[in-house]
């Protein structure tokens, strides 16, 4: 088993290394790739030093079984043929191929067998907010078909990368020191603020991030489910939160939903309001599961349930999901 990481120096690339180690992912050979700027850097993994190679259009991916790619959509499009031409399965973390009909969009807890259909040897990792939402929705869909979801997201700085996390730290320091804050990664100062924009606006007034949740959810769940989202950047460092209003075809009780979440794959029920127990990003950074709490009936809809969802954007929202896709294919080879 030979695996590769493309974009190893970024936040998700570094998380790939941690996840592969934590899960004792089986491999015999590891190759790390980065930009010309990152080439030559050395990372120690399981006691072995690995030198980052510059990503180039050559035969470096010959013999690679799985390539975990997180270097941006432009790089993914430019290098997809180079990465896959010798048979490697490219598991791509960018938005480059997510909505292509001949590229599966996979969350292993929801639609793992879609990963078998790879005519281009590419599997797309969904958007981080979509991933954690559909893991929760799957447990409810098993009870009654979901017609629509209204979502309000509270997305941490980590969604914009390691440099954005560093900028948030620096902004807090600057503001508290009476200095003018540095604003480069976000449209406005994020410290002591929330920004109701993630990605650029589209013609219908929704941002690309919000439209990703609409389109990707339908593709992953093979469903006509309607998702209307408002995505907001908040000054949390890591882990995204979501408030979801879910309308099902048949009315469900809170007890039914709690039981489904408690038994759902990749989910943890954290729902004890009397003891102030509910998911919070501060305490769940670095955790694998998606956490669900504040489950209650929607007061405005007899077929409505509302709940609160928290997941680590860098982990389950990116690196872990990609590694789980490869694990599924290794454990369950296509017949």
C-alpha atoms as a PDB file:
ATOM      1  CA  UNK A   1       0.000   0.000   0.000  1.00  0.00           C
ATOM      2  CA  UNK A   2       1.481   3.301  -1.129  1.00  0.00           C
ATOM      3  CA  UNK A   3      -0.214   6.569  -0.222  1.00  0.00           C
ATOM      4  CA  UNK A   4       0.451  10.224  -0.945  1.00  0.00           C
ATOM      5  CA  UNK A   5      -0.546  13.520   0.631  1.00  0.00           C
ATOM      6  CA  UNK A   6      -0.714  16.573  -1.624  1.00  0.00           C
ATOM      7  CA  UNK A   7      -0.662  19.890   0.229  1.00  0.00           C
ATOM      8  CA  UNK A   8       0.934  18.410   3.339  1.00  0.00           C
ATOM      9  CA  UNK A   9       2.068  21.770   4.752  1.00  0.00           C
ATOM     10  CA  UNK A  10      -1.474  23.172   5.071  1.00  0.00           C
ATOM     11  CA  UNK A  11      -3.847  22.783   8.014  1.00  0.00           C
ATOM     12  CA  UNK A  12      -5.687  19.852   6.421  1.00  0.00           C
ATOM     13  CA  UNK A  13      -2.440  18.294   5.177  1.00  0.00           C
ATOM     14  CA  UNK A  14      -1.085  18.270   8.714  1.00  0.00           C
ATOM     15  CA  UNK A  15      -4.382  16.850   9.945  1.00  0.00           C
ATOM     16  CA  UNK A  16      -4.035  14.020   7.407  1.00  0.00           C
ATOM     17  CA  UNK A  17      -0.801  12.972   9.129  1.00  0.00           C
ATOM     18  CA  UNK A  18      -2.425  13.041  12.573  1.00  0.00           C
ATOM     19  CA  UNK A  19      -5.487  11.097  11.417  1.00  0.00           C
ATOM     20  CA  UNK A  20      -3.436   8.453   9.590  1.00  0.00           C
ATOM     21  CA  UNK A  21      -1.408   7.944  12.757  1.00  0.00           C
ATOM     22  CA  UNK A  22      -4.387   7.894  15.136  1.00  0.00           C
ATOM     23  CA  UNK A  23      -6.237   5.341  13.029  1.00  0.00           C
ATOM     24  CA  UNK A  24      -3.143   3.228  12.342  1.00  0.00           C
ATOM     25  CA  UNK A  25      -3.898   3.465   8.639  1.00  0.00           C
ATOM     26  CA  UNK A  26      -2.186   0.590   6.799  1.00  0.00           C
ATOM     27  CA  UNK A  27       0.524   1.586   4.344  1.00  0.00           C
ATOM     28  CA  UNK A  28       4.009   0.528   3.300  1.00  0.00           C
ATOM     29  CA  UNK A  29       5.125   3.737   1.652  1.00  0.00           C
ATOM     30  CA  UNK A  30       4.241   7.405   2.137  1.00  0.00           C
ATOM     31  CA  UNK A  31       5.051  10.283  -0.225  1.00  0.00           C
ATOM     32  CA  UNK A  32       4.487  13.932   0.669  1.00  0.00           C
ATOM     33  CA  UNK A  33       3.932  16.662  -1.918  1.00  0.00           C
ATOM     34  CA  UNK A  34       3.774  20.425  -1.701  1.00  0.00           C
ATOM     35  CA  UNK A  35       4.406  23.621  -3.601  1.00  0.00           C
ATOM     36  CA  UNK A  36       7.847  24.800  -4.651  1.00  0.00           C
ATOM     37  CA  UNK A  37       7.873  26.839  -1.436  1.00  0.00           C
ATOM     38  CA  UNK A  38       7.187  23.759   0.703  1.00  0.00           C
ATOM     39  CA  UNK A  39       9.503  21.390  -1.156  1.00  0.00           C
ATOM     40  CA  UNK A  40      12.431  20.260   0.941  1.00  0.00           C
ATOM     41  CA  UNK A  41      10.639  20.573   4.271  1.00  0.00           C
ATOM     42  CA  UNK A  42      10.961  17.511   6.485  1.00  0.00           C
ATOM     43  CA  UNK A  43       8.135  15.939   8.485  1.00  0.00           C
ATOM     44  CA  UNK A  44       8.652  13.114  10.950  1.00  0.00           C
ATOM     45  CA  UNK A  45       5.893  10.512  10.879  1.00  0.00           C
ATOM     46  CA  UNK A  46       5.970   7.320  12.948  1.00  0.00           C
ATOM     47  CA  UNK A  47       9.665   7.882  13.585  1.00  0.00           C
ATOM     48  CA  UNK A  48      10.587   8.279   9.918  1.00  0.00           C
ATOM     49  CA  UNK A  49      11.658  11.560   8.276  1.00  0.00           C
ATOM     50  CA  UNK A  50       9.887  12.388   5.026  1.00  0.00           C
ATOM     51  CA  UNK A  51      11.071  15.129   2.677  1.00  0.00           C
ATOM     52  CA  UNK A  52       8.350  17.062   0.862  1.00  0.00           C
ATOM     53  CA  UNK A  53       8.585  16.725  -2.906  1.00  0.00           C
ATOM     54  CA  UNK A  54       7.514  19.486  -5.258  1.00  0.00           C
ATOM     55  CA  UNK A  55       4.297  18.623  -7.053  1.00  0.00           C
ATOM     56  CA  UNK A  56       5.110  18.366 -10.743  1.00  0.00           C
ATOM     57  CA  UNK A  57       3.668  16.920 -13.940  1.00  0.00           C
ATOM     58  CA  UNK A  58       5.718  13.728 -13.975  1.00  0.00           C
ATOM     59  CA  UNK A  59       5.430  10.074 -12.950  1.00  0.00           C
ATOM     60  CA  UNK A  60       5.827  10.577  -9.184  1.00  0.00           C
ATOM     61  CA  UNK A  61       2.408   9.047  -8.550  1.00  0.00           C
ATOM     62  CA  UNK A  62       3.262   5.745 -10.218  1.00  0.00           C
ATOM     63  CA  UNK A  63       2.469   2.961  -7.752  1.00  0.00           C
ATOM     64  CA  UNK A  64       0.391   5.191  -5.468  1.00  0.00           C
ATOM     65  CA  UNK A  65      -2.869   3.586  -4.344  1.00  0.00           C
ATOM     66  CA  UNK A  66      -4.516   6.556  -2.642  1.00  0.00           C
ATOM     67  CA  UNK A  67      -3.664  10.251  -2.912  1.00  0.00           C
ATOM     68  CA  UNK A  68      -5.173  12.556  -0.296  1.00  0.00           C
ATOM     69  CA  UNK A  69      -5.283  15.972  -1.948  1.00  0.00           C
ATOM     70  CA  UNK A  70      -5.856  19.278  -0.177  1.00  0.00           C
ATOM     71  CA  UNK A  71      -4.077  21.998  -2.119  1.00  0.00           C
ATOM     72  CA  UNK A  72      -6.967  24.057  -3.484  1.00  0.00           C
ATOM     73  CA  UNK A  73      -9.315  23.664  -6.420  1.00  0.00           C
ATOM     74  CA  UNK A  74      -6.922  25.106  -8.991  1.00  0.00           C
ATOM     75  CA  UNK A  75      -4.186  22.637  -8.108  1.00  0.00           C
ATOM     76  CA  UNK A  76      -6.659  19.752  -8.057  1.00  0.00           C
ATOM     77  CA  UNK A  77      -7.923  20.538 -11.552  1.00  0.00           C
ATOM     78  CA  UNK A  78      -4.439  21.102 -12.906  1.00  0.00           C
ATOM     79  CA  UNK A  79      -2.927  17.923 -11.470  1.00  0.00           C
ATOM     80  CA  UNK A  80      -5.844  15.471 -11.475  1.00  0.00           C
ATOM     81  CA  UNK A  81      -4.661  13.695 -14.619  1.00  0.00           C
ATOM     82  CA  UNK A  82      -1.074  13.541 -13.348  1.00  0.00           C
ATOM     83  CA  UNK A  83      -2.194  12.092 -10.018  1.00  0.00           C
ATOM     84  CA  UNK A  84      -4.601   9.496 -11.423  1.00  0.00           C
ATOM     85  CA  UNK A  85      -3.025   8.423 -14.714  1.00  0.00           C
ATOM     86  CA  UNK A  86      -1.235   5.406 -13.191  1.00  0.00           C
ATOM     87  CA  UNK A  87      -4.299   4.200 -11.287  1.00  0.00           C
ATOM     88  CA  UNK A  88      -4.153   6.120  -8.016  1.00  0.00           C
ATOM     89  CA  UNK A  89      -7.493   6.997  -6.435  1.00  0.00           C
ATOM     90  CA  UNK A  90      -7.479  10.741  -5.829  1.00  0.00           C
ATOM     91  CA  UNK A  91      -9.547  11.700  -2.778  1.00  0.00           C
ATOM     92  CA  UNK A  92      -9.914  15.427  -3.272  1.00  0.00           C
ATOM     93  CA  UNK A  93     -10.748  17.913  -0.543  1.00  0.00           C
ATOM     94  CA  UNK A  94     -11.450  20.884  -2.826  1.00  0.00           C
ATOM     95  CA  UNK A  95     -14.687  21.920  -4.500  1.00  0.00           C
ATOM     96  CA  UNK A  96     -13.222  21.277  -7.967  1.00  0.00           C
ATOM     97  CA  UNK A  97     -15.112  18.069  -8.793  1.00  0.00           C
ATOM     98  CA  UNK A  98     -17.893  17.791  -6.212  1.00  0.00           C
ATOM     99  CA  UNK A  99     -20.804  18.364  -8.551  1.00  0.00           C
ATOM    100  CA  UNK A 100     -19.363  16.517 -11.576  1.00  0.00           C
ATOM    101  CA  UNK A 101     -21.677  13.670 -12.564  1.00  0.00           C
ATOM    102  CA  UNK A 102     -18.779  11.256 -13.017  1.00  0.00           C
ATOM    103  CA  UNK A 103     -17.197  11.979  -9.615  1.00  0.00           C
ATOM    104  CA  UNK A 104     -18.793  10.520  -6.462  1.00  0.00           C
ATOM    105  CA  UNK A 105     -19.283  12.822  -3.469  1.00  0.00           C
ATOM    106  CA  UNK A 106     -18.914  10.634  -0.403  1.00  0.00           C
ATOM    107  CA  UNK A 107     -19.560  10.697   3.337  1.00  0.00           C
ATOM    108  CA  UNK A 108     -18.897   7.134   4.551  1.00  0.00           C
ATOM    109  CA  UNK A 109     -21.656   7.191   7.190  1.00  0.00           C
ATOM    110  CA  UNK A 110     -24.190   8.167   4.521  1.00  0.00           C
ATOM    111  CA  UNK A 111     -23.321   6.879   1.021  1.00  0.00           C
ATOM    112  CA  UNK A 112     -20.133   4.762   1.200  1.00  0.00           C
ATOM    113  CA  UNK A 113     -20.874   2.574  -1.822  1.00  0.00           C
ATOM    114  CA  UNK A 114     -20.890   5.619  -4.105  1.00  0.00           C
ATOM    115  CA  UNK A 115     -17.096   5.408  -3.750  1.00  0.00           C
ATOM    116  CA  UNK A 116     -17.114   2.347  -6.031  1.00  0.00           C
ATOM    117  CA  UNK A 117     -18.136   4.444  -9.047  1.00  0.00           C
ATOM    118  CA  UNK A 118     -14.911   6.218 -10.005  1.00  0.00           C
ATOM    119  CA  UNK A 119     -14.567   6.404 -13.813  1.00  0.00           C
ATOM    120  CA  UNK A 120     -12.007   9.196 -13.435  1.00  0.00           C
ATOM    121  CA  UNK A 121     -10.293   7.672 -10.361  1.00  0.00           C
ATOM    122  CA  UNK A 122     -11.458  10.728  -8.393  1.00  0.00           C
ATOM    123  CA  UNK A 123     -13.599  10.817  -5.242  1.00  0.00           C
ATOM    124  CA  UNK A 124     -14.670  14.198  -3.903  1.00  0.00           C
ATOM    125  CA  UNK A 125     -14.748  15.095  -0.229  1.00  0.00           C
ATOM    126  CA  UNK A 126     -17.795  17.302   0.443  1.00  0.00           C
ATOM    127  CA  UNK A 127     -17.777  20.747   1.986  1.00  0.00           C
ATOM    128  CA  UNK A 128     -17.082  20.667   5.737  1.00  0.00           C
ATOM    129  CA  UNK A 129     -20.467  22.090   6.730  1.00  0.00           C
ATOM    130  CA  UNK A 130     -22.274  19.635   4.470  1.00  0.00           C
ATOM    131  CA  UNK A 131     -20.392  16.671   5.927  1.00  0.00           C
ATOM    132  CA  UNK A 132     -21.351  17.225   9.535  1.00  0.00           C
ATOM    133  CA  UNK A 133     -24.932  18.107   8.621  1.00  0.00           C
ATOM    134  CA  UNK A 134     -25.606  15.003   6.513  1.00  0.00           C
ATOM    135  CA  UNK A 135     -24.139  12.688   9.156  1.00  0.00           C
ATOM    136  CA  UNK A 136     -26.836  13.995  11.503  1.00  0.00           C
ATOM    137  CA  UNK A 137     -29.544  14.060   8.820  1.00  0.00           C
ATOM    138  CA  UNK A 138     -28.903  10.426   7.860  1.00  0.00           C
ATOM    139  CA  UNK A 139     -30.056   9.204  11.278  1.00  0.00           C
ATOM    140  CA  UNK A 140     -33.304  11.156  10.911  1.00  0.00           C
ATOM    141  CA  UNK A 141     -33.831  10.225   7.252  1.00  0.00           C
ATOM    142  CA  UNK A 142     -33.871   6.588   8.405  1.00  0.00           C
ATOM    143  CA  UNK A 143     -37.004   7.435  10.443  1.00  0.00           C
ATOM    144  CA  UNK A 144     -38.859   9.580   7.914  1.00  0.00           C
ATOM    145  CA  UNK A 145     -37.928  11.237   4.640  1.00  0.00           C
ATOM    146  CA  UNK A 146     -36.628  14.767   5.169  1.00  0.00           C
ATOM    147  CA  UNK A 147     -38.394  17.335   2.981  1.00  0.00           C
ATOM    148  CA  UNK A 148     -36.453  20.463   3.896  1.00  0.00           C
ATOM    149  CA  UNK A 149     -33.847  21.897   6.231  1.00  0.00           C
ATOM    150  CA  UNK A 150     -33.242  25.452   7.334  1.00  0.00           C
ATOM    151  CA  UNK A 151     -29.675  25.804   8.553  1.00  0.00           C
ATOM    152  CA  UNK A 152     -27.805  28.557  10.327  1.00  0.00           C
ATOM    153  CA  UNK A 153     -24.087  27.848  10.608  1.00  0.00           C
ATOM    154  CA  UNK A 154     -21.522  29.285  12.982  1.00  0.00           C
ATOM    155  CA  UNK A 155     -18.207  28.553  11.303  1.00  0.00           C
ATOM    156  CA  UNK A 156     -14.818  28.805  12.970  1.00  0.00           C
ATOM    157  CA  UNK A 157     -11.721  30.503  11.611  1.00  0.00           C
ATOM    158  CA  UNK A 158     -10.272  27.079  10.814  1.00  0.00           C
ATOM    159  CA  UNK A 159     -12.531  26.934   7.763  1.00  0.00           C
ATOM    160  CA  UNK A 160     -10.281  29.509   6.104  1.00  0.00           C
ATOM    161  CA  UNK A 161      -7.059  27.654   6.887  1.00  0.00           C
ATOM    162  CA  UNK A 162      -4.134  27.758   9.302  1.00  0.00           C
ATOM    163  CA  UNK A 163      -3.238  31.354   8.415  1.00  0.00           C
ATOM    164  CA  UNK A 164      -6.791  32.445   9.261  1.00  0.00           C
ATOM    165  CA  UNK A 165      -6.557  30.803  12.672  1.00  0.00           C
ATOM    166  CA  UNK A 166      -3.287  32.641  13.245  1.00  0.00           C
ATOM    167  CA  UNK A 167      -4.896  35.905  12.130  1.00  0.00           C
ATOM    168  CA  UNK A 168      -7.725  35.503  14.653  1.00  0.00           C
ATOM    169  CA  UNK A 169      -5.195  35.051  17.454  1.00  0.00           C
ATOM    170  CA  UNK A 170      -3.308  38.117  16.243  1.00  0.00           C
ATOM    171  CA  UNK A 171      -6.472  40.213  15.931  1.00  0.00           C
ATOM    172  CA  UNK A 172      -7.418  39.537  19.544  1.00  0.00           C
ATOM    173  CA  UNK A 173      -3.916  40.470  20.681  1.00  0.00           C
ATOM    174  CA  UNK A 174      -3.932  43.635  18.578  1.00  0.00           C
ATOM    175  CA  UNK A 175      -7.376  44.788  19.714  1.00  0.00           C
ATOM    176  CA  UNK A 176      -6.559  44.210  23.384  1.00  0.00           C
ATOM    177  CA  UNK A 177      -3.281  46.106  22.922  1.00  0.00           C
ATOM    178  CA  UNK A 178      -5.084  49.041  21.337  1.00  0.00           C
ATOM    179  CA  UNK A 179      -3.531  48.382  17.926  1.00  0.00           C
ATOM    180  CA  UNK A 180      -5.179  48.407  14.507  1.00  0.00           C
ATOM    181  CA  UNK A 181      -6.082  44.759  13.744  1.00  0.00           C
ATOM    182  CA  UNK A 182      -4.694  42.984  10.708  1.00  0.00           C
ATOM    183  CA  UNK A 183      -7.472  42.030   8.261  1.00  0.00           C
ATOM    184  CA  UNK A 184      -6.344  39.797   5.393  1.00  0.00           C
ATOM    185  CA  UNK A 185      -8.127  36.439   5.508  1.00  0.00           C
ATOM    186  CA  UNK A 186     -11.654  37.711   6.140  1.00  0.00           C
ATOM    187  CA  UNK A 187     -13.820  40.473   4.701  1.00  0.00           C
ATOM    188  CA  UNK A 188     -13.752  42.255   8.081  1.00  0.00           C
ATOM    189  CA  UNK A 189     -12.175  41.963  11.503  1.00  0.00           C
ATOM    190  CA  UNK A 190     -13.364  38.660  12.985  1.00  0.00           C
ATOM    191  CA  UNK A 191     -12.243  39.166  16.595  1.00  0.00           C
ATOM    192  CA  UNK A 192     -15.212  40.376  18.697  1.00  0.00           C
ATOM    193  CA  UNK A 193     -17.372  40.123  15.567  1.00  0.00           C
ATOM    194  CA  UNK A 194     -19.407  37.774  13.358  1.00  0.00           C
ATOM    195  CA  UNK A 195     -19.443  38.001   9.566  1.00  0.00           C
ATOM    196  CA  UNK A 196     -22.568  36.831   7.665  1.00  0.00           C
ATOM    197  CA  UNK A 197     -20.597  35.911   4.565  1.00  0.00           C
ATOM    198  CA  UNK A 198     -18.530  32.823   3.740  1.00  0.00           C
ATOM    199  CA  UNK A 199     -17.278  32.658   0.142  1.00  0.00           C
ATOM    200  CA  UNK A 200     -18.608  34.972  -2.580  1.00  0.00           C
ATOM    201  CA  UNK A 201     -22.228  35.883  -3.255  1.00  0.00           C
ATOM    202  CA  UNK A 202     -24.094  34.332  -6.176  1.00  0.00           C
ATOM    203  CA  UNK A 203     -26.852  35.852  -8.288  1.00  0.00           C
ATOM    204  CA  UNK A 204     -29.617  34.559  -6.002  1.00  0.00           C
ATOM    205  CA  UNK A 205     -28.202  36.323  -2.936  1.00  0.00           C
ATOM    206  CA  UNK A 206     -26.826  33.152  -1.373  1.00  0.00           C
ATOM    207  CA  UNK A 207     -23.090  32.646  -1.011  1.00  0.00           C
ATOM    208  CA  UNK A 208     -21.255  29.765  -2.666  1.00  0.00           C
ATOM    209  CA  UNK A 209     -20.878  28.155   0.770  1.00  0.00           C
ATOM    210  CA  UNK A 210     -24.638  28.228   1.254  1.00  0.00           C
ATOM    211  CA  UNK A 211     -25.275  26.820  -2.219  1.00  0.00           C
ATOM    212  CA  UNK A 212     -22.790  24.016  -1.555  1.00  0.00           C
ATOM    213  CA  UNK A 213     -25.000  22.867   1.317  1.00  0.00           C
ATOM    214  CA  UNK A 214     -28.037  22.919  -0.966  1.00  0.00           C
ATOM    215  CA  UNK A 215     -26.491  21.072  -3.913  1.00  0.00           C
ATOM    216  CA  UNK A 216     -24.124  18.685  -2.156  1.00  0.00           C
ATOM    217  CA  UNK A 217     -26.743  17.417   0.298  1.00  0.00           C
ATOM    218  CA  UNK A 218     -29.004  16.308  -2.539  1.00  0.00           C
ATOM    219  CA  UNK A 219     -26.165  14.512  -4.312  1.00  0.00           C
ATOM    220  CA  UNK A 220     -24.886  12.732  -1.196  1.00  0.00           C
ATOM    221  CA  UNK A 221     -28.303  11.673   0.077  1.00  0.00           C
ATOM    222  CA  UNK A 222     -29.736  10.893  -3.390  1.00  0.00           C
ATOM    223  CA  UNK A 223     -32.703  12.956  -2.320  1.00  0.00           C
ATOM    224  CA  UNK A 224     -34.923  15.880  -3.256  1.00  0.00           C
ATOM    225  CA  UNK A 225     -34.219  17.414   0.149  1.00  0.00           C
ATOM    226  CA  UNK A 226     -34.280  21.230   0.127  1.00  0.00           C
ATOM    227  CA  UNK A 227     -31.662  23.092   2.193  1.00  0.00           C
ATOM    228  CA  UNK A 228     -31.747  26.819   2.843  1.00  0.00           C
ATOM    229  CA  UNK A 229     -28.653  27.989   4.723  1.00  0.00           C
ATOM    230  CA  UNK A 230     -27.236  31.137   6.265  1.00  0.00           C
ATOM    231  CA  UNK A 231     -23.491  30.668   6.789  1.00  0.00           C
ATOM    232  CA  UNK A 232     -21.788  32.908   9.328  1.00  0.00           C
ATOM    233  CA  UNK A 233     -18.109  33.177  10.297  1.00  0.00           C
ATOM    234  CA  UNK A 234     -17.707  33.424  14.073  1.00  0.00           C
ATOM    235  CA  UNK A 235     -14.586  34.064  16.187  1.00  0.00           C
ATOM    236  CA  UNK A 236     -14.235  30.467  17.326  1.00  0.00           C
ATOM    237  CA  UNK A 237     -10.885  28.920  16.482  1.00  0.00           C
ATOM    238  CA  UNK A 238     -11.824  25.414  15.392  1.00  0.00           C
ATOM    239  CA  UNK A 239     -15.019  23.319  14.938  1.00  0.00           C
ATOM    240  CA  UNK A 240     -18.168  24.466  13.163  1.00  0.00           C
ATOM    241  CA  UNK A 241     -21.614  24.666  14.754  1.00  0.00           C
ATOM    242  CA  UNK A 242     -25.040  24.489  13.127  1.00  0.00           C
ATOM    243  CA  UNK A 243     -28.623  25.143  14.149  1.00  0.00           C
ATOM    244  CA  UNK A 244     -30.906  22.974  12.016  1.00  0.00           C
ATOM    245  CA  UNK A 245     -34.679  23.125  11.540  1.00  0.00           C
ATOM    246  CA  UNK A 246     -35.700  19.836   9.899  1.00  0.00           C
ATOM    247  CA  UNK A 247     -39.070  19.056   8.345  1.00  0.00           C
ATOM    248  CA  UNK A 248     -39.899  15.384   7.801  1.00  0.00           C
ATOM    249  CA  UNK A 249     -42.782  13.790   5.903  1.00  0.00           C
ATOM    250  CA  UNK A 250     -44.111  12.152   9.065  1.00  0.00           C
ATOM    251  CA  UNK A 251     -44.102  13.761  12.509  1.00  0.00           C
ATOM    252  CA  UNK A 252     -41.373  12.457  14.805  1.00  0.00           C
ATOM    253  CA  UNK A 253     -41.126  12.604  18.568  1.00  0.00           C
ATOM    254  CA  UNK A 254     -38.115  14.016  20.354  1.00  0.00           C
ATOM    255  CA  UNK A 255     -37.571  10.577  21.871  1.00  0.00           C
ATOM    256  CA  UNK A 256     -37.439   8.947  18.421  1.00  0.00           C
ATOM    257  CA  UNK A 257     -34.880  11.461  17.211  1.00  0.00           C
ATOM    258  CA  UNK A 258     -32.760  11.204  20.352  1.00  0.00           C
ATOM    259  CA  UNK A 259     -32.675   7.414  20.013  1.00  0.00           C
ATOM    260  CA  UNK A 260     -31.764   7.643  16.321  1.00  0.00           C
ATOM    261  CA  UNK A 261     -28.947  10.105  17.010  1.00  0.00           C
ATOM    262  CA  UNK A 262     -27.646   8.029  19.916  1.00  0.00           C
ATOM    263  CA  UNK A 263     -27.434   4.983  17.641  1.00  0.00           C
ATOM    264  CA  UNK A 264     -26.332   6.804  14.509  1.00  0.00           C
ATOM    265  CA  UNK A 265     -22.982   6.071  12.904  1.00  0.00           C
ATOM    266  CA  UNK A 266     -20.409   8.760  13.596  1.00  0.00           C
ATOM    267  CA  UNK A 267     -22.721  10.596  15.995  1.00  0.00           C
ATOM    268  CA  UNK A 268     -22.644  11.365  19.718  1.00  0.00           C
ATOM    269  CA  UNK A 269     -25.757  12.499  21.561  1.00  0.00           C
ATOM    270  CA  UNK A 270     -24.913  15.323  23.993  1.00  0.00           C
ATOM    271  CA  UNK A 271     -28.302  16.578  25.060  1.00  0.00           C
ATOM    272  CA  UNK A 272     -29.002  17.262  28.726  1.00  0.00           C
ATOM    273  CA  UNK A 273     -30.144  20.884  29.016  1.00  0.00           C
ATOM    274  CA  UNK A 274     -31.004  20.509  32.711  1.00  0.00           C
ATOM    275  CA  UNK A 275     -27.279  20.025  33.384  1.00  0.00           C
ATOM    276  CA  UNK A 276     -26.207  22.540  30.721  1.00  0.00           C
ATOM    277  CA  UNK A 277     -24.846  19.720  28.570  1.00  0.00           C
ATOM    278  CA  UNK A 278     -24.792  20.463  24.851  1.00  0.00           C
ATOM    279  CA  UNK A 279     -22.072  20.488  22.169  1.00  0.00           C
ATOM    280  CA  UNK A 280     -19.706  23.465  22.060  1.00  0.00           C
ATOM    281  CA  UNK A 281     -16.780  23.994  19.678  1.00  0.00           C
ATOM    282  CA  UNK A 282     -14.380  25.035  22.446  1.00  0.00           C
ATOM    283  CA  UNK A 283     -14.489  21.569  23.975  1.00  0.00           C
ATOM    284  CA  UNK A 284     -14.811  19.405  20.852  1.00  0.00           C
ATOM    285  CA  UNK A 285     -11.823  20.499  18.764  1.00  0.00           C
ATOM    286  CA  UNK A 286      -9.882  17.435  17.676  1.00  0.00           C
ATOM    287  CA  UNK A 287     -12.768  15.013  18.212  1.00  0.00           C
ATOM    288  CA  UNK A 288     -13.785  12.518  15.524  1.00  0.00           C
ATOM    289  CA  UNK A 289     -17.599  12.356  15.848  1.00  0.00           C
ATOM    290  CA  UNK A 290     -20.355  14.794  15.054  1.00  0.00           C
ATOM    291  CA  UNK A 291     -22.113  15.888  18.250  1.00  0.00           C
ATOM    292  CA  UNK A 292     -25.838  16.647  18.499  1.00  0.00           C
ATOM    293  CA  UNK A 293     -27.836  18.354  21.237  1.00  0.00           C
ATOM    294  CA  UNK A 294     -30.734  20.745  21.955  1.00  0.00           C
ATOM    295  CA  UNK A 295     -33.168  18.338  20.256  1.00  0.00           C
ATOM    296  CA  UNK A 296     -36.727  19.644  20.441  1.00  0.00           C
ATOM    297  CA  UNK A 297     -39.948  19.963  18.481  1.00  0.00           C
ATOM    298  CA  UNK A 298     -40.259  22.910  16.115  1.00  0.00           C
ATOM    299  CA  UNK A 299     -43.013  25.063  17.632  1.00  0.00           C
ATOM    300  CA  UNK A 300     -44.080  26.255  14.174  1.00  0.00           C
ATOM    301  CA  UNK A 301     -44.335  22.906  12.376  1.00  0.00           C
ATOM    302  CA  UNK A 302     -45.923  19.614  13.551  1.00  0.00           C
ATOM    303  CA  UNK A 303     -43.464  17.716  11.316  1.00  0.00           C
ATOM    304  CA  UNK A 304     -40.503  19.793  12.457  1.00  0.00           C
ATOM    305  CA  UNK A 305     -37.511  18.962  14.656  1.00  0.00           C
ATOM    306  CA  UNK A 306     -34.769  21.397  15.556  1.00  0.00           C
ATOM    307  CA  UNK A 307     -31.331  20.553  16.871  1.00  0.00           C
ATOM    308  CA  UNK A 308     -27.760  21.797  17.363  1.00  0.00           C
ATOM    309  CA  UNK A 309     -24.761  20.151  15.664  1.00  0.00           C
ATOM    310  CA  UNK A 310     -21.028  20.612  16.276  1.00  0.00           C
ATOM    311  CA  UNK A 311     -18.116  18.985  14.425  1.00  0.00           C
ATOM    312  CA  UNK A 312     -14.422  19.603  13.950  1.00  0.00           C
ATOM    313  CA  UNK A 313     -14.081  21.215  10.534  1.00  0.00           C
ATOM    314  CA  UNK A 314     -10.469  20.189   9.943  1.00  0.00           C
ATOM    315  CA  UNK A 315     -11.001  16.645  11.181  1.00  0.00           C
ATOM    316  CA  UNK A 316     -14.380  15.162  10.258  1.00  0.00           C
ATOM    317  CA  UNK A 317     -15.037  18.074   7.926  1.00  0.00           C
ATOM    318  CA  UNK A 318     -11.924  17.322   5.885  1.00  0.00           C
ATOM    319  CA  UNK A 319      -9.075  14.923   6.708  1.00  0.00           C
ATOM    320  CA  UNK A 320     -10.934  12.247   8.668  1.00  0.00           C
ATOM    321  CA  UNK A 321     -13.732  11.941   6.107  1.00  0.00           C
ATOM    322  CA  UNK A 322     -11.184  11.439   3.311  1.00  0.00           C
ATOM    323  CA  UNK A 323      -9.280   8.793   5.270  1.00  0.00           C
ATOM    324  CA  UNK A 324     -12.549   7.019   6.119  1.00  0.00           C
ATOM    325  CA  UNK A 325     -13.336   6.821   2.400  1.00  0.00           C
ATOM    326  CA  UNK A 326     -10.031   5.032   1.766  1.00  0.00           C
ATOM    327  CA  UNK A 327     -10.604   2.769   4.777  1.00  0.00           C
ATOM    328  CA  UNK A 328     -13.998   1.757   3.411  1.00  0.00           C
ATOM    329  CA  UNK A 329     -12.543   0.848   0.029  1.00  0.00           C
ATOM    330  CA  UNK A 330      -9.701  -1.129   1.611  1.00  0.00           C
ATOM    331  CA  UNK A 331     -12.033  -3.075   3.932  1.00  0.00           C
ATOM    332  CA  UNK A 332     -14.803  -3.493   1.357  1.00  0.00           C
ATOM    333  CA  UNK A 333     -13.211  -3.942  -2.077  1.00  0.00           C
ATOM    334  CA  UNK A 334     -15.568  -3.692  -4.998  1.00  0.00           C
ATOM    335  CA  UNK A 335     -16.844  -7.121  -6.009  1.00  0.00           C
END
